[in-house]
N, C-alpha and C. Protein backbone atom coordinates (compact mmCIF):
# COMPACT_ATOMS: atom_id res chain seq x y z
N MET A 1 -21.85 -67.77 7.14
CA MET A 1 -20.93 -67.34 6.10
C MET A 1 -20.57 -65.88 6.37
N SER A 2 -19.29 -65.56 6.25
CA SER A 2 -18.82 -64.20 6.53
C SER A 2 -19.20 -63.25 5.40
N GLU A 3 -19.12 -61.97 5.70
CA GLU A 3 -19.37 -60.95 4.67
C GLU A 3 -18.45 -61.16 3.48
N PHE A 4 -17.18 -61.45 3.76
CA PHE A 4 -16.22 -61.69 2.68
C PHE A 4 -16.70 -62.84 1.80
N SER A 5 -17.07 -63.94 2.41
CA SER A 5 -17.48 -65.12 1.65
C SER A 5 -18.74 -64.86 0.83
N LEU A 6 -19.70 -64.16 1.41
CA LEU A 6 -20.92 -63.84 0.69
C LEU A 6 -20.62 -62.98 -0.54
N ARG A 7 -19.81 -61.95 -0.34
CA ARG A 7 -19.48 -61.06 -1.45
C ARG A 7 -18.62 -61.76 -2.50
N ALA A 8 -17.68 -62.58 -2.04
CA ALA A 8 -16.82 -63.31 -2.97
C ALA A 8 -17.64 -64.30 -3.79
N ALA A 9 -18.58 -64.98 -3.17
CA ALA A 9 -19.43 -65.94 -3.90
C ALA A 9 -20.28 -65.23 -4.95
N ALA A 10 -20.82 -64.07 -4.60
CA ALA A 10 -21.63 -63.31 -5.55
C ALA A 10 -20.77 -62.84 -6.73
N LEU A 11 -19.57 -62.37 -6.42
CA LEU A 11 -18.67 -61.93 -7.49
C LEU A 11 -18.24 -63.10 -8.36
N LEU A 12 -18.00 -64.24 -7.76
CA LEU A 12 -17.62 -65.42 -8.52
C LEU A 12 -18.69 -65.78 -9.54
N GLN A 13 -19.94 -65.72 -9.14
CA GLN A 13 -21.04 -65.99 -10.08
C GLN A 13 -21.01 -65.01 -11.25
N ARG A 14 -20.76 -63.74 -10.94
CA ARG A 14 -20.69 -62.73 -12.01
C ARG A 14 -19.54 -63.02 -12.96
N LEU A 15 -18.38 -63.34 -12.41
CA LEU A 15 -17.21 -63.59 -13.26
C LEU A 15 -17.40 -64.84 -14.10
N GLU A 16 -17.98 -65.87 -13.51
CA GLU A 16 -18.20 -67.12 -14.24
C GLU A 16 -19.23 -66.95 -15.36
N SER A 17 -20.10 -65.97 -15.22
CA SER A 17 -21.09 -65.73 -16.27
C SER A 17 -20.54 -64.79 -17.34
N GLY A 18 -19.27 -64.39 -17.18
CA GLY A 18 -18.63 -63.56 -18.20
C GLY A 18 -18.70 -62.07 -17.93
N SER A 19 -19.17 -61.67 -16.78
CA SER A 19 -19.29 -60.26 -16.46
C SER A 19 -18.05 -59.78 -15.71
N SER A 20 -17.11 -59.21 -16.46
CA SER A 20 -15.89 -58.69 -15.85
C SER A 20 -15.77 -57.22 -16.20
N ASP A 21 -16.65 -56.42 -15.64
CA ASP A 21 -16.67 -54.99 -15.92
C ASP A 21 -15.95 -54.21 -14.82
N GLN A 22 -16.02 -52.91 -14.91
CA GLN A 22 -15.34 -52.06 -13.93
C GLN A 22 -15.88 -52.28 -12.52
N SER A 23 -17.18 -52.53 -12.38
CA SER A 23 -17.72 -52.75 -11.03
C SER A 23 -17.19 -54.06 -10.44
N ALA A 24 -16.96 -55.07 -11.30
CA ALA A 24 -16.38 -56.32 -10.81
C ALA A 24 -14.95 -56.08 -10.35
N GLN A 25 -14.20 -55.29 -11.09
CA GLN A 25 -12.83 -54.98 -10.69
C GLN A 25 -12.80 -54.18 -9.39
N SER A 26 -13.75 -53.30 -9.23
CA SER A 26 -13.86 -52.52 -7.99
C SER A 26 -14.18 -53.43 -6.81
N GLU A 27 -15.08 -54.38 -7.02
CA GLU A 27 -15.42 -55.33 -5.95
C GLU A 27 -14.22 -56.19 -5.58
N LEU A 28 -13.44 -56.60 -6.57
CA LEU A 28 -12.21 -57.35 -6.28
C LEU A 28 -11.27 -56.54 -5.40
N SER A 29 -11.13 -55.28 -5.70
CA SER A 29 -10.27 -54.41 -4.90
C SER A 29 -10.78 -54.30 -3.46
N GLU A 30 -12.09 -54.16 -3.32
CA GLU A 30 -12.68 -54.08 -1.97
C GLU A 30 -12.50 -55.40 -1.22
N LEU A 31 -12.63 -56.50 -1.93
CA LEU A 31 -12.44 -57.81 -1.29
C LEU A 31 -10.99 -58.00 -0.84
N ARG A 32 -10.05 -57.49 -1.61
CA ARG A 32 -8.64 -57.57 -1.18
C ARG A 32 -8.44 -56.84 0.14
N SER A 33 -9.05 -55.67 0.24
CA SER A 33 -8.94 -54.90 1.49
C SER A 33 -9.60 -55.64 2.65
N LEU A 34 -10.77 -56.20 2.38
CA LEU A 34 -11.49 -56.94 3.42
C LEU A 34 -10.71 -58.18 3.84
N TRP A 35 -10.06 -58.85 2.89
CA TRP A 35 -9.24 -60.04 3.16
C TRP A 35 -8.20 -59.73 4.24
N ARG A 36 -7.61 -58.56 4.16
CA ARG A 36 -6.55 -58.18 5.11
C ARG A 36 -7.06 -58.07 6.54
N THR A 37 -8.36 -57.93 6.70
CA THR A 37 -8.93 -57.78 8.04
C THR A 37 -9.38 -59.10 8.64
N LEU A 38 -9.36 -60.17 7.84
CA LEU A 38 -9.85 -61.46 8.31
C LEU A 38 -8.85 -62.14 9.25
N SER A 39 -9.39 -62.90 10.17
CA SER A 39 -8.54 -63.72 11.04
C SER A 39 -8.00 -64.89 10.23
N THR A 40 -7.03 -65.58 10.79
CA THR A 40 -6.47 -66.76 10.12
C THR A 40 -7.54 -67.79 9.86
N GLU A 41 -8.40 -68.01 10.81
CA GLU A 41 -9.49 -68.99 10.65
C GLU A 41 -10.43 -68.58 9.51
N GLU A 42 -10.79 -67.31 9.47
CA GLU A 42 -11.68 -66.83 8.41
C GLU A 42 -11.01 -66.96 7.04
N ARG A 43 -9.72 -66.67 6.99
CA ARG A 43 -8.99 -66.82 5.72
C ARG A 43 -8.96 -68.28 5.29
N ASP A 44 -8.73 -69.18 6.24
CA ASP A 44 -8.71 -70.61 5.92
C ASP A 44 -10.06 -71.05 5.33
N GLN A 45 -11.14 -70.55 5.91
CA GLN A 45 -12.47 -70.92 5.43
C GLN A 45 -12.76 -70.32 4.05
N ALA A 46 -12.21 -69.17 3.76
CA ALA A 46 -12.49 -68.47 2.50
C ALA A 46 -11.53 -68.84 1.37
N THR A 47 -10.48 -69.57 1.68
CA THR A 47 -9.46 -69.89 0.67
C THR A 47 -10.03 -70.55 -0.59
N PRO A 48 -10.95 -71.51 -0.49
CA PRO A 48 -11.49 -72.10 -1.72
C PRO A 48 -12.18 -71.06 -2.63
N LEU A 49 -12.87 -70.11 -2.02
CA LEU A 49 -13.51 -69.06 -2.81
C LEU A 49 -12.47 -68.18 -3.49
N VAL A 50 -11.42 -67.86 -2.77
CA VAL A 50 -10.36 -67.03 -3.35
C VAL A 50 -9.71 -67.75 -4.52
N SER A 51 -9.46 -69.03 -4.37
CA SER A 51 -8.88 -69.81 -5.46
C SER A 51 -9.81 -69.82 -6.68
N ALA A 52 -11.10 -69.95 -6.44
CA ALA A 52 -12.07 -69.94 -7.53
C ALA A 52 -12.12 -68.57 -8.21
N LEU A 53 -12.01 -67.49 -7.43
CA LEU A 53 -11.98 -66.15 -8.01
C LEU A 53 -10.76 -65.96 -8.91
N VAL A 54 -9.62 -66.43 -8.45
CA VAL A 54 -8.40 -66.33 -9.24
C VAL A 54 -8.56 -67.09 -10.56
N ALA A 55 -9.11 -68.29 -10.48
CA ALA A 55 -9.32 -69.09 -11.69
C ALA A 55 -10.30 -68.42 -12.63
N ALA A 56 -11.36 -67.85 -12.09
CA ALA A 56 -12.36 -67.18 -12.92
C ALA A 56 -11.78 -65.95 -13.60
N GLN A 57 -10.91 -65.24 -12.91
CA GLN A 57 -10.28 -64.06 -13.49
C GLN A 57 -9.38 -64.44 -14.66
N SER A 58 -8.72 -65.56 -14.54
CA SER A 58 -7.77 -65.96 -15.58
C SER A 58 -8.43 -66.88 -16.61
N ASN A 59 -9.75 -67.04 -16.49
CA ASN A 59 -10.53 -67.87 -17.41
C ASN A 59 -10.09 -69.32 -17.43
N GLU A 60 -9.52 -69.79 -16.33
CA GLU A 60 -9.14 -71.19 -16.20
C GLU A 60 -10.34 -71.94 -15.64
N PRO A 61 -10.50 -73.17 -16.05
CA PRO A 61 -11.60 -73.95 -15.46
C PRO A 61 -11.35 -74.21 -13.98
N ARG A 62 -12.39 -74.21 -13.19
CA ARG A 62 -12.27 -74.48 -11.77
C ARG A 62 -12.02 -75.95 -11.57
N ARG A 63 -11.09 -76.24 -10.66
CA ARG A 63 -10.83 -77.62 -10.29
C ARG A 63 -11.62 -77.94 -9.05
N SER A 64 -12.21 -79.11 -9.02
CA SER A 64 -12.92 -79.51 -7.82
C SER A 64 -11.90 -79.95 -6.78
N GLU A 65 -12.24 -79.72 -5.52
CA GLU A 65 -11.32 -80.10 -4.44
C GLU A 65 -11.42 -81.58 -4.21
N GLU A 66 -10.29 -82.19 -3.97
CA GLU A 66 -10.25 -83.61 -3.64
C GLU A 66 -10.10 -83.75 -2.14
N HIS A 67 -10.90 -84.61 -1.55
CA HIS A 67 -10.83 -84.83 -0.10
C HIS A 67 -10.40 -86.22 0.19
């Protein structure tokens, strides 16, 4: 798992537990910067986490992926 994915997963847990403080917003900003450095393959692998982060930020329920 990449650094981005590890950090995004940890932040997702915080957001889902209702913790959306200034440090969470700061981590989101850092993750955006880190996202820009990822290869296409790394971005493809991290996309589900990014989608979950977006949903958690907007307080929408997470949808499970259909395969």
